PDB file of N, CA and C in Angstrom:
ATOM      1  N   UNK A   1     -12.850   0.675  13.768  1.00  0.00           N
ATOM      2  CA  UNK A   1     -13.523   1.035  12.546  1.00  0.00           C
ATOM      3  C   UNK A   1     -14.291   2.329  12.772  1.00  0.00           C
ATOM      4  N   UNK A   2     -14.263   3.174  11.776  1.00  0.00           N
ATOM      5  CA  UNK A   2     -14.991   4.436  11.817  1.00  0.00           C
ATOM      6  C   UNK A   2     -15.942   4.504  10.641  1.00  0.00           C
ATOM      7  N   UNK A   3     -17.006   5.268  10.805  1.00  0.00           N
ATOM      8  CA  UNK A   3     -17.907   5.474   9.676  1.00  0.00           C
ATOM      9  C   UNK A   3     -17.337   6.556   8.774  1.00  0.00           C
ATOM     10  N   UNK A   4     -17.370   6.294   7.493  1.00  0.00           N
ATOM     11  CA  UNK A   4     -16.882   7.241   6.490  1.00  0.00           C
ATOM     12  C   UNK A   4     -18.092   7.683   5.678  1.00  0.00           C
ATOM     13  N   UNK A   5     -18.324   8.971   5.601  1.00  0.00           N
ATOM     14  CA  UNK A   5     -19.477   9.520   4.878  1.00  0.00           C
ATOM     15  C   UNK A   5     -20.798   9.041   5.469  1.00  0.00           C
ATOM     16  N   UNK A   6     -20.779   8.572   6.709  1.00  0.00           N
ATOM     17  CA  UNK A   6     -21.994   8.108   7.353  1.00  0.00           C
ATOM     18  C   UNK A   6     -22.487   6.759   6.869  1.00  0.00           C
ATOM     19  N   UNK A   7     -21.861   6.185   5.854  1.00  0.00           N
ATOM     20  CA  UNK A   7     -22.327   4.921   5.278  1.00  0.00           C
ATOM     21  C   UNK A   7     -21.217   3.873   5.281  1.00  0.00           C
ATOM     22  N   UNK A   8     -20.132   4.172   4.591  1.00  0.00           N
ATOM     23  CA  UNK A   8     -19.016   3.233   4.471  1.00  0.00           C
ATOM     24  C   UNK A   8     -18.231   3.176   5.777  1.00  0.00           C
ATOM     25  N   UNK A   9     -17.401   2.149   5.908  1.00  0.00           N
ATOM     26  CA  UNK A   9     -16.534   2.065   7.080  1.00  0.00           C
ATOM     27  C   UNK A   9     -15.082   2.270   6.668  1.00  0.00           C
ATOM     28  N   UNK A  10     -14.304   2.756   7.597  1.00  0.00           N
ATOM     29  CA  UNK A  10     -12.872   2.961   7.372  1.00  0.00           C
ATOM     30  C   UNK A  10     -12.111   2.211   8.463  1.00  0.00           C
ATOM     31  N   UNK A  11     -11.173   1.388   8.047  1.00  0.00           N
ATOM     32  CA  UNK A  11     -10.345   0.664   9.003  1.00  0.00           C
ATOM     33  C   UNK A  11      -9.271   1.583   9.553  1.00  0.00           C
ATOM     34  N   UNK A  12      -9.085   1.576  10.848  1.00  0.00           N
ATOM     35  CA  UNK A  12      -8.017   2.340  11.497  1.00  0.00           C
ATOM     36  C   UNK A  12      -7.168   1.336  12.270  1.00  0.00           C
ATOM     37  N   UNK A  13      -6.111   0.868  11.644  1.00  0.00           N
ATOM     38  CA  UNK A  13      -5.282  -0.189  12.216  1.00  0.00           C
ATOM     39  C   UNK A  13      -3.932   0.400  12.615  1.00  0.00           C
ATOM     40  N   UNK A  14      -3.509   0.123  13.849  1.00  0.00           N
ATOM     41  CA  UNK A  14      -2.213   0.588  14.334  1.00  0.00           C
ATOM     42  C   UNK A  14      -1.165  -0.479  14.011  1.00  0.00           C
ATOM     43  N   UNK A  15      -0.346  -0.226  13.016  1.00  0.00           N
ATOM     44  CA  UNK A  15       0.672  -1.188  12.577  1.00  0.00           C
ATOM     45  C   UNK A  15       2.052  -0.907  13.164  1.00  0.00           C
ATOM     46  N   UNK A  16       2.126  -0.191  14.284  1.00  0.00           N
ATOM     47  CA  UNK A  16       3.422   0.163  14.865  1.00  0.00           C
ATOM     48  C   UNK A  16       4.261  -1.065  15.208  1.00  0.00           C
ATOM     49  N   UNK A  17       3.650  -2.091  15.790  1.00  0.00           N
ATOM     50  CA  UNK A  17       4.419  -3.280  16.177  1.00  0.00           C
ATOM     51  C   UNK A  17       4.922  -4.040  14.952  1.00  0.00           C
ATOM     52  N   UNK A  18       4.106  -4.161  13.933  1.00  0.00           N
ATOM     53  CA  UNK A  18       4.522  -4.840  12.700  1.00  0.00           C
ATOM     54  C   UNK A  18       5.635  -4.043  12.026  1.00  0.00           C
ATOM     55  N   UNK A  19       5.458  -2.727  11.928  1.00  0.00           N
ATOM     56  CA  UNK A  19       6.460  -1.881  11.282  1.00  0.00           C
ATOM     57  C   UNK A  19       7.782  -1.861  12.046  1.00  0.00           C
ATOM     58  N   UNK A  20       7.722  -2.021  13.375  1.00  0.00           N
ATOM     59  CA  UNK A  20       8.942  -1.994  14.188  1.00  0.00           C
ATOM     60  C   UNK A  20       9.871  -3.163  13.865  1.00  0.00           C
ATOM     61  N   UNK A  21       9.319  -4.286  13.438  1.00  0.00           N
ATOM     62  CA  UNK A  21      10.151  -5.461  13.146  1.00  0.00           C
ATOM     63  C   UNK A  21      10.286  -5.726  11.644  1.00  0.00           C
ATOM     64  N   UNK A  22       9.764  -4.830  10.831  1.00  0.00           N
ATOM     65  CA  UNK A  22       9.848  -4.979   9.378  1.00  0.00           C
ATOM     66  C   UNK A  22      11.168  -4.419   8.873  1.00  0.00           C
ATOM     67  N   UNK A  23      11.865  -5.189   8.070  1.00  0.00           N
ATOM     68  CA  UNK A  23      13.111  -4.722   7.460  1.00  0.00           C
ATOM     69  C   UNK A  23      12.745  -3.920   6.217  1.00  0.00           C
ATOM     70  N   UNK A  24      13.261  -2.701   6.127  1.00  0.00           N
ATOM     71  CA  UNK A  24      12.926  -1.810   5.020  1.00  0.00           C
ATOM     72  C   UNK A  24      13.518  -2.336   3.714  1.00  0.00           C
ATOM     73  N   UNK A  25      12.681  -2.377   2.687  1.00  0.00           N
ATOM     74  CA  UNK A  25      13.151  -2.751   1.353  1.00  0.00           C
ATOM     75  C   UNK A  25      13.880  -1.553   0.756  1.00  0.00           C
ATOM     76  N   UNK A  26      15.029  -1.784   0.184  1.00  0.00           N
ATOM     77  CA  UNK A  26      15.780  -0.705  -0.451  1.00  0.00           C
ATOM     78  C   UNK A  26      15.300  -0.538  -1.884  1.00  0.00           C
ATOM     79  N   UNK A  27      14.879   0.653  -2.219  1.00  0.00           N
ATOM     80  CA  UNK A  27      14.429   0.936  -3.579  1.00  0.00           C
ATOM     81  C   UNK A  27      14.812   2.368  -3.908  1.00  0.00           C
ATOM     82  N   UNK A  28      15.623   2.540  -4.912  1.00  0.00           N
ATOM     83  CA  UNK A  28      16.051   3.878  -5.312  1.00  0.00           C
ATOM     84  C   UNK A  28      15.015   4.488  -6.248  1.00  0.00           C
ATOM     85  N   UNK A  29      14.505   5.638  -5.873  1.00  0.00           N
ATOM     86  CA  UNK A  29      13.553   6.339  -6.732  1.00  0.00           C
ATOM     87  C   UNK A  29      14.287   6.845  -7.970  1.00  0.00           C
ATOM     88  N   UNK A  30      13.687   6.702  -9.134  1.00  0.00           N
ATOM     89  CA  UNK A  30      14.335   7.213 -10.342  1.00  0.00           C
ATOM     90  C   UNK A  30      14.386   8.743 -10.326  1.00  0.00           C
ATOM     91  N   UNK A  31      15.430   9.295 -10.895  1.00  0.00           N
ATOM     92  CA  UNK A  31      15.566  10.745 -10.970  1.00  0.00           C
ATOM     93  C   UNK A  31      14.649  11.287 -12.065  1.00  0.00           C
ATOM     94  N   UNK A  32      14.009  12.407 -11.787  1.00  0.00           N
ATOM     95  CA  UNK A  32      13.065  12.995 -12.741  1.00  0.00           C
ATOM     96  C   UNK A  32      13.760  13.322 -14.057  1.00  0.00           C
ATOM     97  N   UNK A  33      14.973  13.866 -13.996  1.00  0.00           N
ATOM     98  CA  UNK A  33      15.706  14.201 -15.226  1.00  0.00           C
ATOM     99  C   UNK A  33      15.933  12.963 -16.092  1.00  0.00           C
ATOM    100  N   UNK A  34      16.270  11.850 -15.458  1.00  0.00           N
ATOM    101  CA  UNK A  34      16.494  10.609 -16.205  1.00  0.00           C
ATOM    102  C   UNK A  34      15.195  10.122 -16.842  1.00  0.00           C
ATOM    103  N   UNK A  35      14.090  10.237 -16.113  1.00  0.00           N
ATOM    104  CA  UNK A  35      12.792   9.825 -16.663  1.00  0.00           C
ATOM    105  C   UNK A  35      12.400  10.683 -17.859  1.00  0.00           C
ATOM    106  N   UNK A  36      12.606  11.998 -17.738  1.00  0.00           N
ATOM    107  CA  UNK A  36      12.253  12.901 -18.840  1.00  0.00           C
ATOM    108  C   UNK A  36      13.106  12.629 -20.071  1.00  0.00           C
ATOM    109  N   UNK A  37      14.381  12.342 -19.855  1.00  0.00           N
ATOM    110  CA  UNK A  37      15.260  12.013 -20.978  1.00  0.00           C
ATOM    111  C   UNK A  37      14.791  10.733 -21.665  1.00  0.00           C
ATOM    112  N   UNK A  38      14.415   9.737 -20.885  1.00  0.00           N
ATOM    113  CA  UNK A  38      13.920   8.474 -21.452  1.00  0.00           C
ATOM    114  C   UNK A  38      12.620   8.676 -22.222  1.00  0.00           C
ATOM    115  N   UNK A  39      11.809   9.634 -21.809  1.00  0.00           N
ATOM    116  CA  UNK A  39      10.508   9.857 -22.441  1.00  0.00           C
ATOM    117  C   UNK A  39      10.604  10.596 -23.774  1.00  0.00           C
ATOM    118  N   UNK A  40      11.760  11.186 -24.070  1.00  0.00           N
ATOM    119  CA  UNK A  40      11.916  11.940 -25.318  1.00  0.00           C
ATOM    120  C   UNK A  40      11.673  11.079 -26.553  1.00  0.00           C
ATOM    121  N   UNK A  41      11.906   9.794 -26.439  1.00  0.00           N
ATOM    122  CA  UNK A  41      11.779   8.898 -27.593  1.00  0.00           C
ATOM    123  C   UNK A  41      10.336   8.473 -27.870  1.00  0.00           C
ATOM    124  N   UNK A  42       9.410   8.817 -26.978  1.00  0.00           N
ATOM    125  CA  UNK A  42       8.033   8.345 -27.122  1.00  0.00           C
ATOM    126  C   UNK A  42       7.120   9.418 -27.709  1.00  0.00           C
ATOM    127  N   UNK A  43       6.146   8.988 -28.463  1.00  0.00           N
ATOM    128  CA  UNK A  43       5.179   9.883 -29.081  1.00  0.00           C
ATOM    129  C   UNK A  43       3.888   9.969 -28.263  1.00  0.00           C
ATOM    130  N   UNK A  44       3.483   8.873 -27.659  1.00  0.00           N
ATOM    131  CA  UNK A  44       2.232   8.806 -26.909  1.00  0.00           C
ATOM    132  C   UNK A  44       2.512   8.614 -25.422  1.00  0.00           C
ATOM    133  N   UNK A  45       1.662   9.221 -24.596  1.00  0.00           N
ATOM    134  CA  UNK A  45       1.783   9.102 -23.149  1.00  0.00           C
ATOM    135  C   UNK A  45       0.421   8.772 -22.560  1.00  0.00           C
ATOM    136  N   UNK A  46       0.442   8.195 -21.396  1.00  0.00           N
ATOM    137  CA  UNK A  46      -0.794   7.816 -20.718  1.00  0.00           C
ATOM    138  C   UNK A  46      -0.695   8.248 -19.261  1.00  0.00           C
ATOM    139  N   UNK A  47      -1.775   8.726 -18.726  1.00  0.00           N
ATOM    140  CA  UNK A  47      -1.823   9.116 -17.325  1.00  0.00           C
ATOM    141  C   UNK A  47      -2.845   8.234 -16.615  1.00  0.00           C
ATOM    142  N   UNK A  48      -2.467   7.712 -15.462  1.00  0.00           N
ATOM    143  CA  UNK A  48      -3.361   6.841 -14.708  1.00  0.00           C
ATOM    144  C   UNK A  48      -3.637   7.433 -13.339  1.00  0.00           C
ATOM    145  N   UNK A  49      -4.840   7.264 -12.864  1.00  0.00           N
ATOM    146  CA  UNK A  49      -5.208   7.689 -11.521  1.00  0.00           C
ATOM    147  C   UNK A  49      -5.028   6.491 -10.605  1.00  0.00           C
ATOM    148  N   UNK A  50      -4.192   6.631  -9.621  1.00  0.00           N
ATOM    149  CA  UNK A  50      -3.901   5.503  -8.742  1.00  0.00           C
ATOM    150  C   UNK A  50      -4.669   5.594  -7.426  1.00  0.00           C
ATOM    151  N   UNK A  51      -5.873   6.134  -7.460  1.00  0.00           N
ATOM    152  CA  UNK A  51      -6.691   6.218  -6.253  1.00  0.00           C
ATOM    153  C   UNK A  51      -6.931   4.813  -5.705  1.00  0.00           C
ATOM    154  N   UNK A  52      -6.709   4.652  -4.433  1.00  0.00           N
ATOM    155  CA  UNK A  52      -6.869   3.352  -3.763  1.00  0.00           C
ATOM    156  C   UNK A  52      -5.961   2.287  -4.365  1.00  0.00           C
ATOM    157  N   UNK A  53      -4.833   2.698  -4.885  1.00  0.00           N
ATOM    158  CA  UNK A  53      -3.919   1.771  -5.546  1.00  0.00           C
ATOM    159  C   UNK A  53      -3.376   0.684  -4.645  1.00  0.00           C
ATOM    160  N   UNK A  54      -3.159   1.007  -3.366  1.00  0.00           N
ATOM    161  CA  UNK A  54      -2.638   0.000  -2.448  1.00  0.00           C
ATOM    162  C   UNK A  54      -3.596  -1.183  -2.337  1.00  0.00           C
ATOM    163  N   UNK A  55      -4.893  -0.906  -2.405  1.00  0.00           N
ATOM    164  CA  UNK A  55      -5.891  -1.974  -2.285  1.00  0.00           C
ATOM    165  C   UNK A  55      -5.891  -2.889  -3.505  1.00  0.00           C
ATOM    166  N   UNK A  56      -5.220  -2.517  -4.570  1.00  0.00           N
ATOM    167  CA  UNK A  56      -5.155  -3.362  -5.770  1.00  0.00           C
ATOM    168  C   UNK A  56      -4.082  -4.442  -5.647  1.00  0.00           C
ATOM    169  N   UNK A  57      -3.185  -4.298  -4.673  1.00  0.00           N
ATOM    170  CA  UNK A  57      -2.067  -5.229  -4.516  1.00  0.00           C
ATOM    171  C   UNK A  57      -2.444  -6.328  -3.516  1.00  0.00           C
ATOM    172  N   UNK A  58      -2.460  -7.563  -3.991  1.00  0.00           N
ATOM    173  CA  UNK A  58      -2.748  -8.706  -3.109  1.00  0.00           C
ATOM    174  C   UNK A  58      -1.532  -8.967  -2.214  1.00  0.00           C
ATOM    175  N   UNK A  59      -1.767  -9.403  -0.983  1.00  0.00           N
ATOM    176  CA  UNK A  59      -0.668  -9.716  -0.069  1.00  0.00           C
ATOM    177  C   UNK A  59      -0.447 -11.226  -0.030  1.00  0.00           C
ATOM    178  N   UNK A  60       0.740 -11.620   0.371  1.00  0.00           N
ATOM    179  CA  UNK A  60       1.070 -13.043   0.473  1.00  0.00           C
ATOM    180  C   UNK A  60       0.364 -13.651   1.684  1.00  0.00           C
ATOM    181  N   UNK A  61       0.347 -14.955   1.729  1.00  0.00           N
ATOM    182  CA  UNK A  61      -0.271 -15.654   2.869  1.00  0.00           C
ATOM    183  C   UNK A  61       0.432 -15.271   4.170  1.00  0.00           C
ATOM    184  N   UNK A  62       1.752 -15.175   4.126  1.00  0.00           N
ATOM    185  CA  UNK A  62       2.521 -14.783   5.325  1.00  0.00           C
ATOM    186  C   UNK A  62       2.165 -13.369   5.758  1.00  0.00           C
ATOM    187  N   UNK A  63       2.051 -12.457   4.798  1.00  0.00           N
ATOM    188  CA  UNK A  63       1.695 -11.073   5.121  1.00  0.00           C
ATOM    189  C   UNK A  63       0.289 -10.990   5.705  1.00  0.00           C
ATOM    190  N   UNK A  64      -0.594 -11.860   5.267  1.00  0.00           N
ATOM    191  CA  UNK A  64      -1.950 -11.890   5.822  1.00  0.00           C
ATOM    192  C   UNK A  64      -1.905 -12.225   7.306  1.00  0.00           C
ATOM    193  N   UNK A  65      -1.069 -13.191   7.672  1.00  0.00           N
ATOM    194  CA  UNK A  65      -0.960 -13.592   9.085  1.00  0.00           C
ATOM    195  C   UNK A  65      -0.344 -12.478   9.926  1.00  0.00           C
ATOM    196  N   UNK A  66       0.689 -11.831   9.383  1.00  0.00           N
ATOM    197  CA  UNK A  66       1.393 -10.776  10.115  1.00  0.00           C
ATOM    198  C   UNK A  66       0.525  -9.532  10.288  1.00  0.00           C
ATOM    199  N   UNK A  67      -0.285  -9.209   9.295  1.00  0.00           N
ATOM    200  CA  UNK A  67      -1.092  -7.983   9.347  1.00  0.00           C
ATOM    201  C   UNK A  67      -2.497  -8.208   9.906  1.00  0.00           C
ATOM    202  N   UNK A  68      -2.745  -9.379  10.483  1.00  0.00           N
ATOM    203  CA  UNK A  68      -4.066  -9.668  11.050  1.00  0.00           C
ATOM    204  C   UNK A  68      -4.375  -8.704  12.198  1.00  0.00           C
ATOM    205  N   UNK A  69      -5.655  -8.452  12.405  1.00  0.00           N
ATOM    206  CA  UNK A  69      -6.070  -7.574  13.495  1.00  0.00           C
ATOM    207  C   UNK A  69      -7.376  -8.078  14.097  1.00  0.00           C
ATOM    208  N   UNK A  70      -7.639  -7.625  15.316  1.00  0.00           N
ATOM    209  CA  UNK A  70      -8.847  -8.008  16.034  1.00  0.00           C
ATOM    210  C   UNK A  70      -9.603  -6.740  16.388  1.00  0.00           C
ATOM    211  N   UNK A  71     -10.911  -6.779  16.207  1.00  0.00           N
ATOM    212  CA  UNK A  71     -11.766  -5.663  16.611  1.00  0.00           C
ATOM    213  C   UNK A  71     -13.046  -6.250  17.206  1.00  0.00           C
ATOM    214  N   UNK A  72     -14.004  -5.401  17.510  1.00  0.00           N
ATOM    215  CA  UNK A  72     -15.258  -5.854  18.122  1.00  0.00           C
ATOM    216  C   UNK A  72     -16.014  -6.849  17.241  1.00  0.00           C
ATOM    217  N   UNK A  73     -15.772  -6.812  15.950  1.00  0.00           N
ATOM    218  CA  UNK A  73     -16.483  -7.704  15.026  1.00  0.00           C
ATOM    219  C   UNK A  73     -15.788  -9.048  14.819  1.00  0.00           C
ATOM    220  N   UNK A  74     -14.556  -9.195  15.346  1.00  0.00           N
ATOM    221  CA  UNK A  74     -13.859 -10.466  15.212  1.00  0.00           C
ATOM    222  C   UNK A  74     -12.412 -10.335  14.771  1.00  0.00           C
ATOM    223  N   UNK A  75     -11.843 -11.441  14.290  1.00  0.00           N
ATOM    224  CA  UNK A  75     -10.455 -11.524  13.830  1.00  0.00           C
ATOM    225  C   UNK A  75     -10.443 -11.451  12.305  1.00  0.00           C
ATOM    226  N   UNK A  76      -9.578 -10.583  11.764  1.00  0.00           N
ATOM    227  CA  UNK A  76      -9.539 -10.387  10.315  1.00  0.00           C
ATOM    228  C   UNK A  76      -8.102 -10.418   9.808  1.00  0.00           C
ATOM    229  N   UNK A  77      -7.935 -10.850   8.573  1.00  0.00           N
ATOM    230  CA  UNK A  77      -6.646 -10.824   7.889  1.00  0.00           C
ATOM    231  C   UNK A  77      -6.826 -10.059   6.588  1.00  0.00           C
ATOM    232  N   UNK A  78      -5.914  -9.140   6.334  1.00  0.00           N
ATOM    233  CA  UNK A  78      -6.001  -8.351   5.109  1.00  0.00           C
ATOM    234  C   UNK A  78      -5.678  -9.221   3.901  1.00  0.00           C
ATOM    235  N   UNK A  79      -6.446  -9.085   2.865  1.00  0.00           N
ATOM    236  CA  UNK A  79      -6.165  -9.771   1.599  1.00  0.00           C
ATOM    237  C   UNK A  79      -5.456  -8.824   0.637  1.00  0.00           C
ATOM    238  N   UNK A  80      -5.563  -7.539   0.915  1.00  0.00           N
ATOM    239  CA  UNK A  80      -4.960  -6.514   0.067  1.00  0.00           C
ATOM    240  C   UNK A  80      -4.038  -5.654   0.928  1.00  0.00           C
ATOM    241  N   UNK A  81      -3.081  -5.016   0.286  1.00  0.00           N
ATOM    242  CA  UNK A  81      -2.071  -4.257   1.006  1.00  0.00           C
ATOM    243  C   UNK A  81      -2.641  -2.964   1.590  1.00  0.00           C
ATOM    244  N   UNK A  82      -2.328  -2.734   2.851  1.00  0.00           N
ATOM    245  CA  UNK A  82      -2.718  -1.490   3.517  1.00  0.00           C
ATOM    246  C   UNK A  82      -1.570  -0.490   3.402  1.00  0.00           C
ATOM    247  N   UNK A  83      -1.895   0.785   3.235  1.00  0.00           N
ATOM    248  CA  UNK A  83      -0.834   1.785   3.074  1.00  0.00           C
ATOM    249  C   UNK A  83      -0.096   2.060   4.367  1.00  0.00           C
ATOM    250  N   UNK A  84      -0.589   1.557   5.495  1.00  0.00           N
ATOM    251  CA  UNK A  84       0.061   1.803   6.783  1.00  0.00           C
ATOM    252  C   UNK A  84       1.254   0.883   7.039  1.00  0.00           C
ATOM    253  N   UNK A  85       1.443  -0.121   6.207  1.00  0.00           N
ATOM    254  CA  UNK A  85       2.589  -1.012   6.378  1.00  0.00           C
ATOM    255  C   UNK A  85       3.856  -0.347   5.837  1.00  0.00           C
ATOM    256  N   UNK A  86       4.946  -0.508   6.538  1.00  0.00           N
ATOM    257  CA  UNK A  86       6.186   0.219   6.248  1.00  0.00           C
ATOM    258  C   UNK A  86       6.672   0.066   4.808  1.00  0.00           C
ATOM    259  N   UNK A  87       6.645  -1.119   4.266  1.00  0.00           N
ATOM    260  CA  UNK A  87       7.168  -1.358   2.918  1.00  0.00           C
ATOM    261  C   UNK A  87       6.123  -1.178   1.820  1.00  0.00           C
ATOM    262  N   UNK A  88       4.913  -0.805   2.176  1.00  0.00           N
ATOM    263  CA  UNK A  88       3.835  -0.681   1.184  1.00  0.00           C
ATOM    264  C   UNK A  88       4.181   0.257   0.021  1.00  0.00           C
ATOM    265  N   UNK A  89       4.742   1.446   0.263  1.00  0.00           N
ATOM    266  CA  UNK A  89       5.057   2.324  -0.874  1.00  0.00           C
ATOM    267  C   UNK A  89       6.067   1.713  -1.846  1.00  0.00           C
ATOM    268  N   UNK A  90       7.094   1.023  -1.325  1.00  0.00           N
ATOM    269  CA  UNK A  90       8.092   0.416  -2.198  1.00  0.00           C
ATOM    270  C   UNK A  90       7.491  -0.738  -3.003  1.00  0.00           C
ATOM    271  N   UNK A  91       6.623  -1.507  -2.377  1.00  0.00           N
ATOM    272  CA  UNK A  91       5.981  -2.622  -3.074  1.00  0.00           C
ATOM    273  C   UNK A  91       5.031  -2.087  -4.136  1.00  0.00           C
ATOM    274  N   UNK A  92       4.302  -1.038  -3.819  1.00  0.00           N
ATOM    275  CA  UNK A  92       3.331  -0.476  -4.760  1.00  0.00           C
ATOM    276  C   UNK A  92       4.007   0.066  -6.020  1.00  0.00           C
ATOM    277  N   UNK A  93       5.190   0.661  -5.845  1.00  0.00           N
ATOM    278  CA  UNK A  93       5.886   1.226  -7.003  1.00  0.00           C
ATOM    279  C   UNK A  93       6.337   0.135  -7.916  1.00  0.00           C
TER     280      UNK A  93
END
């Protein structure tokens, strides 16, 4: 754990071992041209800020066990998705 802004803490977790045995989820990113074509039919649009978006996604009980970590303060299990996990971007989308 590191101090962030001198007050908050930041978790620094090495997920190399978990990522090494994780099977990558296949997800095809949509093409921008196709998205723009689909949007032609709409009159209203909305923009969202996804700051800290990964922390909004709850993890399964199994994922909590797999992503557990130990530090000087004890043993912890993540309740929310960390961006360091290999499949996190595909799940977040």
